[in-house]
Amino acid sequence: MKLVPSQEQRELRAAVRDFLAAASPTAKARQGHDPEVYARLNGELGLSGLIVPEEYGGAGAGFAELAVALEETGAVLLPGPFLATAFAAVALTRVPDKELLSGIAEGRVAAALALDGADLTAADGRVSGTLARVLSGMEADVLLVSAGSALHAVDLAGEGVTRTPLDTLDITRGQARIELDGAPARTLGDVSADVSQDIADRLAVALAAEQLGVMRAALDAIVAYAKIRVTFGRYIGSYQGVKHKLADMHCKLEQAESIVRYAAWAADEAPDELPGAAALAQAYVGRACFEVARDHLLLHGGIGYTWEHDAHLYFKRAKTDEVLLGPPRIHRARLADLLEL
């Protein structure tokens, strides 16, 4: 097992971080999806095609590289469909489709994924039903849905599709209600229960990587603030209570980083270990991310609650991410089952 980032991964992190610092800093997150930034993200860095196999025009990189990219996009609260498209690319690596994978790799296609299609019906090349919440459902071009025992692709600009934007806690990245009324769909392939679970495990690791980025950015920001904020004639970082809180936040970050590195390694190299690693990632990292973002806001004091400050944006992204793939208790229960506790 090798959890220390390679030279190539460090270079990837530096390239993504530099690009985002210039093109999409956190201050721009509240403005929502910027198609130009998204196009450059793919055109200049090819991020959406990281895990797309080379035969489809992608980089053919591993999950560890995807985790690096997601950590950096999480750190700046990147708006838009990057995470949703990454989710779709993960599914398509298990149910390959040349047209969609090539479109994602080239940055032409933004996709959304809905594995929980229990209420959907598919017959004669059409899909019907309602999806209550789809991540980046308004920005996506294609929706991948699981209906019956197969994965289907629906053109979201086609007939039989109604999209309604939702008011959500996280203003930096939208969700939508999508109603499908006999929408034309292309069947990509059958999806067994094992394959569906494997995809879900990989999504859990991908989301944990984004959450790790949120945690790191929040901790860095509050440490910097504690060094310059003066209260009662002292820097707040000199108070013992603040020191203890920052130390606790740092410990949570260190544990989360170890878990994400291990889970990403398992996704690439040890599929037998992936189920437990994925369950652990969302059982721990999701909650830890929220707690770090919460304390980041609280330690800023009153200014952290103001609309103009970014602290509440991290708080809201962390809370939304915590329940995006189901609350931590669900993942704890699965981890307990896997460990036969």
C-alpha atoms as a PDB file:
ATOM      1  CA  MET A   1       0.000   0.000   0.000  1.00  0.00           C
ATOM      2  CA  LYS A   2       1.303   3.445  -0.984  1.00  0.00           C
ATOM      3  CA  LEU A   3      -0.584   6.415   0.438  1.00  0.00           C
ATOM      4  CA  VAL A   4       2.069   9.114  -0.044  1.00  0.00           C
ATOM      5  CA  PRO A   5       1.222  11.204  -3.135  1.00  0.00           C
ATOM      6  CA  SER A   6       3.459  10.604  -6.128  1.00  0.00           C
ATOM      7  CA  GLN A   7       5.346  13.361  -7.929  1.00  0.00           C
ATOM      8  CA  GLU A   8       2.725  13.303 -10.699  1.00  0.00           C
ATOM      9  CA  GLN A   9      -0.081  13.681  -8.169  1.00  0.00           C
ATOM     10  CA  ARG A  10       1.678  16.602  -6.493  1.00  0.00           C
ATOM     11  CA  GLU A  11       2.095  18.265  -9.870  1.00  0.00           C
ATOM     12  CA  LEU A  12      -1.585  17.670 -10.661  1.00  0.00           C
ATOM     13  CA  ARG A  13      -2.574  19.253  -7.341  1.00  0.00           C
ATOM     14  CA  ALA A  14      -0.391  22.296  -7.988  1.00  0.00           C
ATOM     15  CA  ALA A  15      -1.801  22.763 -11.486  1.00  0.00           C
ATOM     16  CA  VAL A  16      -5.420  22.490 -10.348  1.00  0.00           C
ATOM     17  CA  ARG A  17      -4.845  24.724  -7.323  1.00  0.00           C
ATOM     18  CA  ASP A  18      -3.160  27.448  -9.377  1.00  0.00           C
ATOM     19  CA  PHE A  19      -5.884  27.351 -12.010  1.00  0.00           C
ATOM     20  CA  LEU A  20      -8.721  27.578  -9.483  1.00  0.00           C
ATOM     21  CA  ALA A  21      -7.026  30.344  -7.495  1.00  0.00           C
ATOM     22  CA  ALA A  22      -7.043  32.494 -10.614  1.00  0.00           C
ATOM     23  CA  ALA A  23     -10.235  31.387 -12.366  1.00  0.00           C
ATOM     24  CA  SER A  24     -12.628  30.342  -9.602  1.00  0.00           C
ATOM     25  CA  PRO A  25     -11.632  31.463  -6.094  1.00  0.00           C
ATOM     26  CA  THR A  26     -14.093  30.932  -3.260  1.00  0.00           C
ATOM     27  CA  ALA A  27     -15.307  34.512  -3.594  1.00  0.00           C
ATOM     28  CA  LYS A  28     -16.852  33.570  -6.962  1.00  0.00           C
ATOM     29  CA  ALA A  29     -18.656  30.501  -5.615  1.00  0.00           C
ATOM     30  CA  ARG A  30     -21.764  32.423  -4.607  1.00  0.00           C
ATOM     31  CA  GLN A  31     -22.184  33.553  -8.231  1.00  0.00           C
ATOM     32  CA  GLY A  32     -22.999  30.004  -9.314  1.00  0.00           C
ATOM     33  CA  HIS A  33     -21.967  27.996 -12.337  1.00  0.00           C
ATOM     34  CA  ASP A  34     -19.706  29.758 -14.821  1.00  0.00           C
ATOM     35  CA  PRO A  35     -19.740  27.849 -18.145  1.00  0.00           C
ATOM     36  CA  GLU A  36     -16.541  29.572 -19.262  1.00  0.00           C
ATOM     37  CA  VAL A  37     -14.624  28.405 -16.189  1.00  0.00           C
ATOM     38  CA  TYR A  38     -16.008  24.903 -16.603  1.00  0.00           C
ATOM     39  CA  ALA A  39     -14.937  24.846 -20.258  1.00  0.00           C
ATOM     40  CA  ARG A  40     -11.433  25.996 -19.335  1.00  0.00           C
ATOM     41  CA  LEU A  41     -11.255  23.457 -16.518  1.00  0.00           C
ATOM     42  CA  ASN A  42     -11.696  20.737 -19.092  1.00  0.00           C
ATOM     43  CA  GLY A  43      -9.987  22.379 -22.053  1.00  0.00           C
ATOM     44  CA  GLU A  44      -6.806  23.360 -20.221  1.00  0.00           C
ATOM     45  CA  LEU A  45      -6.617  20.650 -17.544  1.00  0.00           C
ATOM     46  CA  GLY A  46      -8.880  17.872 -18.844  1.00  0.00           C
ATOM     47  CA  LEU A  47     -10.249  17.259 -15.353  1.00  0.00           C
ATOM     48  CA  SER A  48     -13.577  15.693 -16.332  1.00  0.00           C
ATOM     49  CA  GLY A  49     -11.667  13.121 -18.377  1.00  0.00           C
ATOM     50  CA  LEU A  50      -9.216  12.135 -15.641  1.00  0.00           C
ATOM     51  CA  ILE A  51     -10.600   8.639 -15.041  1.00  0.00           C
ATOM     52  CA  VAL A  52     -11.966   8.175 -18.566  1.00  0.00           C
ATOM     53  CA  PRO A  53      -9.911   5.422 -20.278  1.00  0.00           C
ATOM     54  CA  GLU A  54      -7.474   6.578 -22.930  1.00  0.00           C
ATOM     55  CA  GLU A  55      -9.331   4.624 -25.605  1.00  0.00           C
ATOM     56  CA  TYR A  56     -12.229   7.061 -25.151  1.00  0.00           C
ATOM     57  CA  GLY A  57     -10.062  10.173 -25.182  1.00  0.00           C
ATOM     58  CA  GLY A  58      -9.494  10.495 -21.447  1.00  0.00           C
ATOM     59  CA  ALA A  59      -6.354  10.567 -19.321  1.00  0.00           C
ATOM     60  CA  GLY A  60      -6.786   7.013 -18.064  1.00  0.00           C
ATOM     61  CA  ALA A  61      -5.747   8.118 -14.577  1.00  0.00           C
ATOM     62  CA  GLY A  62      -6.660   6.349 -11.381  1.00  0.00           C
ATOM     63  CA  PHE A  63      -9.069   7.157  -8.589  1.00  0.00           C
ATOM     64  CA  ALA A  64      -6.231   8.616  -6.544  1.00  0.00           C
ATOM     65  CA  GLU A  65      -5.782  11.316  -9.180  1.00  0.00           C
ATOM     66  CA  LEU A  66      -9.507  12.015  -9.266  1.00  0.00           C
ATOM     67  CA  ALA A  67      -9.441  12.376  -5.479  1.00  0.00           C
ATOM     68  CA  VAL A  68      -6.678  14.982  -5.771  1.00  0.00           C
ATOM     69  CA  ALA A  69      -8.728  17.018  -8.245  1.00  0.00           C
ATOM     70  CA  LEU A  70     -11.893  16.770  -6.147  1.00  0.00           C
ATOM     71  CA  GLU A  71     -10.056  17.863  -3.029  1.00  0.00           C
ATOM     72  CA  GLU A  72      -8.924  21.022  -4.768  1.00  0.00           C
ATOM     73  CA  THR A  73     -12.338  21.810  -6.288  1.00  0.00           C
ATOM     74  CA  GLY A  74     -13.878  21.254  -2.855  1.00  0.00           C
ATOM     75  CA  ALA A  75     -11.440  23.671  -1.273  1.00  0.00           C
ATOM     76  CA  VAL A  76     -12.740  26.569  -3.404  1.00  0.00           C
ATOM     77  CA  LEU A  77     -16.375  25.350  -3.331  1.00  0.00           C
ATOM     78  CA  LEU A  78     -16.339  25.074  -7.124  1.00  0.00           C
ATOM     79  CA  PRO A  79     -19.889  25.613  -8.407  1.00  0.00           C
ATOM     80  CA  GLY A  80     -21.268  23.804 -11.416  1.00  0.00           C
ATOM     81  CA  PRO A  81     -21.489  20.199 -12.583  1.00  0.00           C
ATOM     82  CA  PHE A  82     -17.925  18.971 -12.018  1.00  0.00           C
ATOM     83  CA  LEU A  83     -18.759  16.621  -9.125  1.00  0.00           C
ATOM     84  CA  ALA A  84     -21.950  15.410 -10.816  1.00  0.00           C
ATOM     85  CA  THR A  85     -20.039  14.701 -14.033  1.00  0.00           C
ATOM     86  CA  ALA A  86     -17.340  12.905 -12.057  1.00  0.00           C
ATOM     87  CA  PHE A  87     -20.081  10.742 -10.519  1.00  0.00           C
ATOM     88  CA  ALA A  88     -21.377   9.951 -14.011  1.00  0.00           C
ATOM     89  CA  ALA A  89     -17.876   9.138 -15.261  1.00  0.00           C
ATOM     90  CA  VAL A  90     -17.440   6.730 -12.354  1.00  0.00           C
ATOM     91  CA  ALA A  91     -20.632   4.906 -13.378  1.00  0.00           C
ATOM     92  CA  LEU A  92     -19.569   4.828 -17.026  1.00  0.00           C
ATOM     93  CA  THR A  93     -16.263   3.184 -16.178  1.00  0.00           C
ATOM     94  CA  ARG A  94     -18.370   0.197 -15.059  1.00  0.00           C
ATOM     95  CA  VAL A  95     -20.964   0.461 -17.850  1.00  0.00           C
ATOM     96  CA  PRO A  96     -18.882   1.922 -20.701  1.00  0.00           C
ATOM     97  CA  ASP A  97     -20.408   4.000 -23.467  1.00  0.00           C
ATOM     98  CA  LYS A  98     -18.077   5.448 -26.092  1.00  0.00           C
ATOM     99  CA  GLU A  99     -20.241   8.442 -27.013  1.00  0.00           C
ATOM    100  CA  LEU A 100     -20.748   9.645 -23.455  1.00  0.00           C
ATOM    101  CA  LEU A 101     -17.235   8.913 -22.224  1.00  0.00           C
ATOM    102  CA  SER A 102     -15.734  10.735 -25.204  1.00  0.00           C
ATOM    103  CA  GLY A 103     -18.066  13.709 -24.649  1.00  0.00           C
ATOM    104  CA  ILE A 104     -17.135  13.902 -20.970  1.00  0.00           C
ATOM    105  CA  ALA A 105     -13.419  13.585 -21.723  1.00  0.00           C
ATOM    106  CA  GLU A 106     -13.599  16.405 -24.270  1.00  0.00           C
ATOM    107  CA  GLY A 107     -15.627  18.617 -21.928  1.00  0.00           C
ATOM    108  CA  ARG A 108     -18.597  18.677 -24.327  1.00  0.00           C
ATOM    109  CA  VAL A 109     -20.936  16.776 -22.021  1.00  0.00           C
ATOM    110  CA  ALA A 110     -21.868  17.605 -18.455  1.00  0.00           C
ATOM    111  CA  ALA A 111     -23.726  14.712 -16.883  1.00  0.00           C
ATOM    112  CA  ALA A 112     -25.788  13.944 -13.809  1.00  0.00           C
ATOM    113  CA  LEU A 113     -26.325  10.569 -12.165  1.00  0.00           C
ATOM    114  CA  ALA A 114     -29.298   9.129 -10.303  1.00  0.00           C
ATOM    115  CA  LEU A 115     -28.700   5.575  -9.144  1.00  0.00           C
ATOM    116  CA  ASP A 116     -31.762   5.539  -6.921  1.00  0.00           C
ATOM    117  CA  GLY A 117     -34.373   5.117  -9.611  1.00  0.00           C
ATOM    118  CA  ALA A 118     -36.728   2.849  -7.704  1.00  0.00           C
ATOM    119  CA  ASP A 119     -39.751   4.911  -8.764  1.00  0.00           C
ATOM    120  CA  LEU A 120     -38.767   5.018 -12.438  1.00  0.00           C
ATOM    121  CA  THR A 121     -40.124   2.759 -15.153  1.00  0.00           C
ATOM    122  CA  ALA A 122     -38.395   1.974 -18.430  1.00  0.00           C
ATOM    123  CA  ALA A 123     -40.074   0.422 -21.448  1.00  0.00           C
ATOM    124  CA  ASP A 124     -39.714   0.621 -25.236  1.00  0.00           C
ATOM    125  CA  GLY A 125     -36.824   3.054 -25.039  1.00  0.00           C
ATOM    126  CA  ARG A 126     -38.587   5.540 -22.779  1.00  0.00           C
ATOM    127  CA  VAL A 127     -38.308   6.355 -19.078  1.00  0.00           C
ATOM    128  CA  SER A 128     -40.999   7.771 -16.796  1.00  0.00           C
ATOM    129  CA  GLY A 129     -40.999   8.872 -13.188  1.00  0.00           C
ATOM    130  CA  THR A 130     -39.798  11.638 -10.893  1.00  0.00           C
ATOM    131  CA  LEU A 131     -36.422  12.250  -9.292  1.00  0.00           C
ATOM    132  CA  ALA A 132     -36.853  14.551  -6.320  1.00  0.00           C
ATOM    133  CA  ARG A 133     -33.281  15.814  -6.140  1.00  0.00           C
ATOM    134  CA  VAL A 134     -30.605  15.596  -8.815  1.00  0.00           C
ATOM    135  CA  LEU A 135     -27.224  17.202  -8.212  1.00  0.00           C
ATOM    136  CA  SER A 136     -26.513  19.816 -10.925  1.00  0.00           C
ATOM    137  CA  GLY A 137     -29.685  18.758 -12.681  1.00  0.00           C
ATOM    138  CA  MET A 138     -30.117  22.172 -14.285  1.00  0.00           C
ATOM    139  CA  GLU A 139     -26.573  22.371 -15.673  1.00  0.00           C
ATOM    140  CA  ALA A 140     -26.271  18.795 -16.937  1.00  0.00           C
ATOM    141  CA  ASP A 141     -26.788  17.836 -20.577  1.00  0.00           C
ATOM    142  CA  VAL A 142     -27.390  14.143 -19.953  1.00  0.00           C
ATOM    143  CA  LEU A 143     -28.943  12.246 -17.072  1.00  0.00           C
ATOM    144  CA  LEU A 144     -27.867   8.701 -16.273  1.00  0.00           C
ATOM    145  CA  VAL A 145     -30.609   6.833 -14.451  1.00  0.00           C
ATOM    146  CA  SER A 146     -30.935   3.346 -13.102  1.00  0.00           C
ATOM    147  CA  ALA A 147     -34.350   1.939 -13.980  1.00  0.00           C
ATOM    148  CA  GLY A 148     -35.168  -1.706 -13.718  1.00  0.00           C
ATOM    149  CA  SER A 149     -31.893  -3.589 -13.990  1.00  0.00           C
ATOM    150  CA  ALA A 150     -30.247  -1.270 -16.515  1.00  0.00           C
ATOM    151  CA  LEU A 151     -28.535   2.099 -16.767  1.00  0.00           C
ATOM    152  CA  HIS A 152     -30.143   4.534 -19.211  1.00  0.00           C
ATOM    153  CA  ALA A 153     -29.056   7.873 -20.675  1.00  0.00           C
ATOM    154  CA  VAL A 154     -31.655  10.626 -21.060  1.00  0.00           C
ATOM    155  CA  ASP A 155     -31.088  13.806 -23.067  1.00  0.00           C
ATOM    156  CA  LEU A 156     -32.186  16.524 -20.650  1.00  0.00           C
ATOM    157  CA  ALA A 157     -32.923  18.903 -23.520  1.00  0.00           C
ATOM    158  CA  GLY A 158     -35.246  16.372 -25.149  1.00  0.00           C
ATOM    159  CA  GLU A 159     -38.955  15.767 -24.994  1.00  0.00           C
ATOM    160  CA  GLY A 160     -40.698  14.454 -21.925  1.00  0.00           C
ATOM    161  CA  VAL A 161     -38.269  16.152 -19.531  1.00  0.00           C
ATOM    162  CA  THR A 162     -39.266  18.827 -17.010  1.00  0.00           C
ATOM    163  CA  ARG A 163     -36.591  20.350 -14.810  1.00  0.00           C
ATOM    164  CA  THR A 164     -37.331  22.533 -11.816  1.00  0.00           C
ATOM    165  CA  PRO A 165     -34.531  24.234  -9.864  1.00  0.00           C
ATOM    166  CA  LEU A 166     -34.734  23.745  -6.115  1.00  0.00           C
ATOM    167  CA  ASP A 167     -34.038  26.162  -3.297  1.00  0.00           C
ATOM    168  CA  THR A 168     -31.266  24.438  -1.366  1.00  0.00           C
ATOM    169  CA  LEU A 169     -29.079  25.207   1.616  1.00  0.00           C
ATOM    170  CA  ASP A 170     -25.937  25.273  -0.522  1.00  0.00           C
ATOM    171  CA  ILE A 171     -26.198  28.257  -2.848  1.00  0.00           C
ATOM    172  CA  THR A 172     -22.892  27.416  -4.534  1.00  0.00           C
ATOM    173  CA  ARG A 173     -24.116  24.254  -6.284  1.00  0.00           C
ATOM    174  CA  GLY A 174     -27.659  23.603  -7.392  1.00  0.00           C
ATOM    175  CA  GLN A 175     -30.029  20.676  -7.409  1.00  0.00           C
ATOM    176  CA  ALA A 176     -33.136  20.088  -9.475  1.00  0.00           C
ATOM    177  CA  ARG A 177     -36.342  18.102  -9.479  1.00  0.00           C
ATOM    178  CA  ILE A 178     -36.569  16.168 -12.739  1.00  0.00           C
ATOM    179  CA  GLU A 179     -39.793  14.710 -14.075  1.00  0.00           C
ATOM    180  CA  LEU A 180     -39.587  12.209 -16.913  1.00  0.00           C
ATOM    181  CA  ASP A 181     -42.778  11.574 -18.858  1.00  0.00           C
ATOM    182  CA  GLY A 182     -41.963   8.977 -21.472  1.00  0.00           C
ATOM    183  CA  ALA A 183     -38.595  10.635 -22.108  1.00  0.00           C
ATOM    184  CA  PRO A 184     -36.572   8.931 -24.852  1.00  0.00           C
ATOM    185  CA  ALA A 185     -33.677   7.011 -23.312  1.00  0.00           C
ATOM    186  CA  ARG A 186     -30.764   5.008 -24.585  1.00  0.00           C
ATOM    187  CA  THR A 187     -30.035   1.826 -22.640  1.00  0.00           C
ATOM    188  CA  LEU A 188     -26.339   1.638 -21.832  1.00  0.00           C
ATOM    189  CA  GLY A 189     -26.261  -1.796 -20.277  1.00  0.00           C
ATOM    190  CA  ASP A 190     -27.472  -4.015 -17.491  1.00  0.00           C
ATOM    191  CA  VAL A 191     -26.398  -3.177 -13.959  1.00  0.00           C
ATOM    192  CA  SER A 192     -26.298  -5.978 -11.418  1.00  0.00           C
ATOM    193  CA  ALA A 193     -26.700  -5.338  -7.710  1.00  0.00           C
ATOM    194  CA  ASP A 194     -22.962  -5.882  -7.214  1.00  0.00           C
ATOM    195  CA  VAL A 195     -22.028  -3.385  -9.933  1.00  0.00           C
ATOM    196  CA  SER A 196     -24.506  -0.843  -8.596  1.00  0.00           C
ATOM    197  CA  GLN A 197     -23.021  -1.184  -5.111  1.00  0.00           C
ATOM    198  CA  ASP A 198     -19.485  -0.852  -6.477  1.00  0.00           C
ATOM    199  CA  ILE A 199     -20.465   2.380  -8.228  1.00  0.00           C
ATOM    200  CA  ALA A 200     -22.063   3.658  -5.010  1.00  0.00           C
ATOM    201  CA  ASP A 201     -18.880   2.849  -3.079  1.00  0.00           C
ATOM    202  CA  ARG A 202     -16.773   4.804  -5.564  1.00  0.00           C
ATOM    203  CA  LEU A 203     -19.148   7.769  -5.337  1.00  0.00           C
ATOM    204  CA  ALA A 204     -18.726   7.707  -1.566  1.00  0.00           C
ATOM    205  CA  VAL A 205     -14.948   7.946  -1.956  1.00  0.00           C
ATOM    206  CA  ALA A 206     -15.217  10.735  -4.528  1.00  0.00           C
ATOM    207  CA  LEU A 207     -17.490  12.764  -2.268  1.00  0.00           C
ATOM    208  CA  ALA A 208     -15.162  12.191   0.697  1.00  0.00           C
ATOM    209  CA  ALA A 209     -12.310  13.651  -1.361  1.00  0.00           C
ATOM    210  CA  GLU A 210     -14.316  16.825  -1.935  1.00  0.00           C
ATOM    211  CA  GLN A 211     -15.186  16.957   1.768  1.00  0.00           C
ATOM    212  CA  LEU A 212     -11.495  16.672   2.628  1.00  0.00           C
ATOM    213  CA  GLY A 213     -10.844  19.756   0.502  1.00  0.00           C
ATOM    214  CA  VAL A 214     -13.613  21.660   2.280  1.00  0.00           C
ATOM    215  CA  MET A 215     -12.111  20.717   5.647  1.00  0.00           C
ATOM    216  CA  ARG A 216      -8.596  21.745   4.698  1.00  0.00           C
ATOM    217  CA  ALA A 217      -9.659  25.135   3.332  1.00  0.00           C
ATOM    218  CA  ALA A 218     -11.826  25.852   6.384  1.00  0.00           C
ATOM    219  CA  LEU A 219      -9.031  24.997   8.816  1.00  0.00           C
ATOM    220  CA  ASP A 220      -6.445  27.022   6.882  1.00  0.00           C
ATOM    221  CA  ALA A 221      -8.768  30.012   6.861  1.00  0.00           C
ATOM    222  CA  ILE A 222      -9.509  29.998  10.589  1.00  0.00           C
ATOM    223  CA  VAL A 223      -5.854  29.447  11.536  1.00  0.00           C
ATOM    224  CA  ALA A 224      -4.903  32.481   9.443  1.00  0.00           C
ATOM    225  CA  TYR A 225      -7.711  34.501  11.058  1.00  0.00           C
ATOM    226  CA  ALA A 226      -6.663  33.466  14.585  1.00  0.00           C
ATOM    227  CA  LYS A 227      -3.221  34.946  13.906  1.00  0.00           C
ATOM    228  CA  ILE A 228      -4.528  38.417  13.051  1.00  0.00           C
ATOM    229  CA  ARG A 229      -7.779  38.873  15.003  1.00  0.00           C
ATOM    230  CA  VAL A 230      -7.255  40.804  18.262  1.00  0.00           C
ATOM    231  CA  THR A 231      -9.779  40.632  21.118  1.00  0.00           C
ATOM    232  CA  PHE A 232      -9.224  42.199  24.555  1.00  0.00           C
ATOM    233  CA  GLY A 233      -5.708  43.132  23.522  1.00  0.00           C
ATOM    234  CA  ARG A 234      -4.642  39.614  22.467  1.00  0.00           C
ATOM    235  CA  TYR A 235      -4.644  37.600  19.275  1.00  0.00           C
ATOM    236  CA  ILE A 236      -7.476  35.095  19.593  1.00  0.00           C
ATOM    237  CA  GLY A 237      -5.063  32.325  18.621  1.00  0.00           C
ATOM    238  CA  SER A 238      -3.268  32.855  21.936  1.00  0.00           C
ATOM    239  CA  TYR A 239      -6.315  31.817  23.980  1.00  0.00           C
ATOM    240  CA  GLN A 240      -6.159  28.255  25.249  1.00  0.00           C
ATOM    241  CA  GLY A 241      -9.764  27.497  24.305  1.00  0.00           C
ATOM    242  CA  VAL A 242      -9.121  28.529  20.708  1.00  0.00           C
ATOM    243  CA  LYS A 243      -5.889  26.517  20.589  1.00  0.00           C
ATOM    244  CA  HIS A 244      -7.705  23.406  21.767  1.00  0.00           C
ATOM    245  CA  LYS A 245     -10.442  23.850  19.188  1.00  0.00           C
ATOM    246  CA  LEU A 246      -7.937  24.311  16.371  1.00  0.00           C
ATOM    247  CA  ALA A 247      -6.026  21.235  17.525  1.00  0.00           C
ATOM    248  CA  ASP A 248      -9.220  19.183  17.492  1.00  0.00           C
ATOM    249  CA  MET A 249     -10.007  20.406  13.972  1.00  0.00           C
ATOM    250  CA  HIS A 250      -6.507  19.498  12.828  1.00  0.00           C
ATOM    251  CA  CYS A 251      -6.816  15.973  14.251  1.00  0.00           C
ATOM    252  CA  LYS A 252     -10.097  15.469  12.391  1.00  0.00           C
ATOM    253  CA  LEU A 253      -8.460  16.647   9.185  1.00  0.00           C
ATOM    254  CA  GLU A 254      -5.499  14.288   9.625  1.00  0.00           C
ATOM    255  CA  GLN A 255      -7.780  11.304  10.220  1.00  0.00           C
ATOM    256  CA  ALA A 256      -9.974  12.237   7.268  1.00  0.00           C
ATOM    257  CA  GLU A 257      -6.947  12.537   4.990  1.00  0.00           C
ATOM    258  CA  SER A 258      -5.738   9.067   5.965  1.00  0.00           C
ATOM    259  CA  ILE A 259      -9.162   7.593   5.306  1.00  0.00           C
ATOM    260  CA  VAL A 260      -9.534   9.264   1.905  1.00  0.00           C
ATOM    261  CA  ARG A 261      -6.033   8.242   0.809  1.00  0.00           C
ATOM    262  CA  TYR A 262      -6.731   4.654   1.829  1.00  0.00           C
ATOM    263  CA  ALA A 263     -10.155   4.577   0.173  1.00  0.00           C
ATOM    264  CA  ALA A 264      -8.815   6.025  -3.088  1.00  0.00           C
ATOM    265  CA  TRP A 265      -6.000   3.448  -3.058  1.00  0.00           C
ATOM    266  CA  ALA A 266      -8.545   0.670  -2.492  1.00  0.00           C
ATOM    267  CA  ALA A 267     -10.622   1.913  -5.432  1.00  0.00           C
ATOM    268  CA  ASP A 268      -7.546   1.553  -7.647  1.00  0.00           C
ATOM    269  CA  GLU A 269      -5.705  -1.416  -6.199  1.00  0.00           C
ATOM    270  CA  ALA A 270      -7.786  -3.414  -3.709  1.00  0.00           C
ATOM    271  CA  PRO A 271     -11.436  -3.804  -4.791  1.00  0.00           C
ATOM    272  CA  ASP A 272     -12.064  -6.308  -1.987  1.00  0.00           C
ATOM    273  CA  GLU A 273     -11.249  -3.602   0.548  1.00  0.00           C
ATOM    274  CA  LEU A 274     -13.256  -0.877  -1.186  1.00  0.00           C
ATOM    275  CA  PRO A 275     -16.680  -1.554   0.423  1.00  0.00           C
ATOM    276  CA  GLY A 276     -15.335  -1.119   3.949  1.00  0.00           C
ATOM    277  CA  ALA A 277     -13.144   1.819   2.990  1.00  0.00           C
ATOM    278  CA  ALA A 278     -16.041   3.601   1.270  1.00  0.00           C
ATOM    279  CA  ALA A 279     -18.401   3.054   4.196  1.00  0.00           C
ATOM    280  CA  LEU A 280     -15.719   4.315   6.587  1.00  0.00           C
ATOM    281  CA  ALA A 281     -15.131   7.370   4.400  1.00  0.00           C
ATOM    282  CA  GLN A 282     -18.716   8.550   4.575  1.00  0.00           C
ATOM    283  CA  ALA A 283     -19.277   7.377   8.158  1.00  0.00           C
ATOM    284  CA  TYR A 284     -16.379   9.537   9.373  1.00  0.00           C
ATOM    285  CA  VAL A 285     -15.407  12.164   6.821  1.00  0.00           C
ATOM    286  CA  GLY A 286     -18.919  13.490   6.207  1.00  0.00           C
ATOM    287  CA  ARG A 287     -19.515  14.272   9.864  1.00  0.00           C
ATOM    288  CA  ALA A 288     -15.961  15.482  10.484  1.00  0.00           C
ATOM    289  CA  CYS A 289     -16.227  17.879   7.535  1.00  0.00           C
ATOM    290  CA  PHE A 290     -19.399  19.391   8.940  1.00  0.00           C
ATOM    291  CA  GLU A 291     -17.885  19.761  12.410  1.00  0.00           C
ATOM    292  CA  VAL A 292     -14.763  21.484  11.070  1.00  0.00           C
ATOM    293  CA  ALA A 293     -16.850  23.826   8.909  1.00  0.00           C
ATOM    294  CA  ARG A 294     -19.117  24.565  11.885  1.00  0.00           C
ATOM    295  CA  ASP A 295     -16.204  25.404  14.166  1.00  0.00           C
ATOM    296  CA  HIS A 296     -14.611  27.449  11.386  1.00  0.00           C
ATOM    297  CA  LEU A 297     -17.732  29.589  11.343  1.00  0.00           C
ATOM    298  CA  LEU A 298     -18.069  29.803  15.134  1.00  0.00           C
ATOM    299  CA  LEU A 299     -14.457  30.842  15.698  1.00  0.00           C
ATOM    300  CA  HIS A 300     -14.903  33.705  13.269  1.00  0.00           C
ATOM    301  CA  GLY A 301     -17.468  35.126  15.685  1.00  0.00           C
ATOM    302  CA  GLY A 302     -20.189  37.435  14.434  1.00  0.00           C
ATOM    303  CA  ILE A 303     -18.522  38.131  11.101  1.00  0.00           C
ATOM    304  CA  GLY A 304     -18.802  34.450  10.195  1.00  0.00           C
ATOM    305  CA  TYR A 305     -22.581  34.715  10.147  1.00  0.00           C
ATOM    306  CA  THR A 306     -22.711  37.626   7.745  1.00  0.00           C
ATOM    307  CA  TRP A 307     -23.750  37.167   4.138  1.00  0.00           C
ATOM    308  CA  GLU A 308     -20.554  38.814   2.913  1.00  0.00           C
ATOM    309  CA  HIS A 309     -18.228  36.311   4.619  1.00  0.00           C
ATOM    310  CA  ASP A 310     -17.364  32.943   3.078  1.00  0.00           C
ATOM    311  CA  ALA A 311     -17.577  30.987   6.336  1.00  0.00           C
ATOM    312  CA  HIS A 312     -21.270  30.244   5.944  1.00  0.00           C
ATOM    313  CA  LEU A 313     -20.645  28.953   2.406  1.00  0.00           C
ATOM    314  CA  TYR A 314     -18.316  26.260   3.759  1.00  0.00           C
ATOM    315  CA  PHE A 315     -20.809  25.438   6.500  1.00  0.00           C
ATOM    316  CA  LYS A 316     -23.620  24.973   3.980  1.00  0.00           C
ATOM    317  CA  ARG A 317     -21.534  22.945   1.514  1.00  0.00           C
ATOM    318  CA  ALA A 318     -20.378  20.674   4.357  1.00  0.00           C
ATOM    319  CA  LYS A 319     -23.925  20.102   5.604  1.00  0.00           C
ATOM    320  CA  THR A 320     -25.258  19.419   2.106  1.00  0.00           C
ATOM    321  CA  ASP A 321     -22.408  17.027   1.317  1.00  0.00           C
ATOM    322  CA  GLU A 322     -22.927  15.211   4.621  1.00  0.00           C
ATOM    323  CA  VAL A 323     -26.333  13.934   3.494  1.00  0.00           C
ATOM    324  CA  LEU A 324     -25.800  13.894  -0.288  1.00  0.00           C
ATOM    325  CA  LEU A 325     -25.301  10.125  -0.387  1.00  0.00           C
ATOM    326  CA  GLY A 326     -27.310   9.424   2.734  1.00  0.00           C
ATOM    327  CA  PRO A 327     -26.644  10.473   6.339  1.00  0.00           C
ATOM    328  CA  PRO A 328     -23.600   9.090   8.197  1.00  0.00           C
ATOM    329  CA  ARG A 329     -25.751   6.656  10.205  1.00  0.00           C
ATOM    330  CA  ILE A 330     -26.509   4.702   7.030  1.00  0.00           C
ATOM    331  CA  HIS A 331     -22.814   4.314   6.280  1.00  0.00           C
ATOM    332  CA  ARG A 332     -22.049   3.422   9.901  1.00  0.00           C
ATOM    333  CA  ALA A 333     -24.676   0.686   9.742  1.00  0.00           C
ATOM    334  CA  ARG A 334     -23.195  -0.698   6.522  1.00  0.00           C
ATOM    335  CA  LEU A 335     -19.697  -0.601   7.973  1.00  0.00           C
ATOM    336  CA  ALA A 336     -20.943  -2.502  11.029  1.00  0.00           C
ATOM    337  CA  ASP A 337     -22.518  -5.135   8.758  1.00  0.00           C
ATOM    338  CA  LEU A 338     -19.324  -5.498   6.733  1.00  0.00           C
ATOM    339  CA  LEU A 339     -17.338  -5.951   9.962  1.00  0.00           C
ATOM    340  CA  GLU A 340     -20.008  -8.358  11.251  1.00  0.00           C
ATOM    341  CA  LEU A 341     -20.457  -6.339  14.429  1.00  0.00           C
END
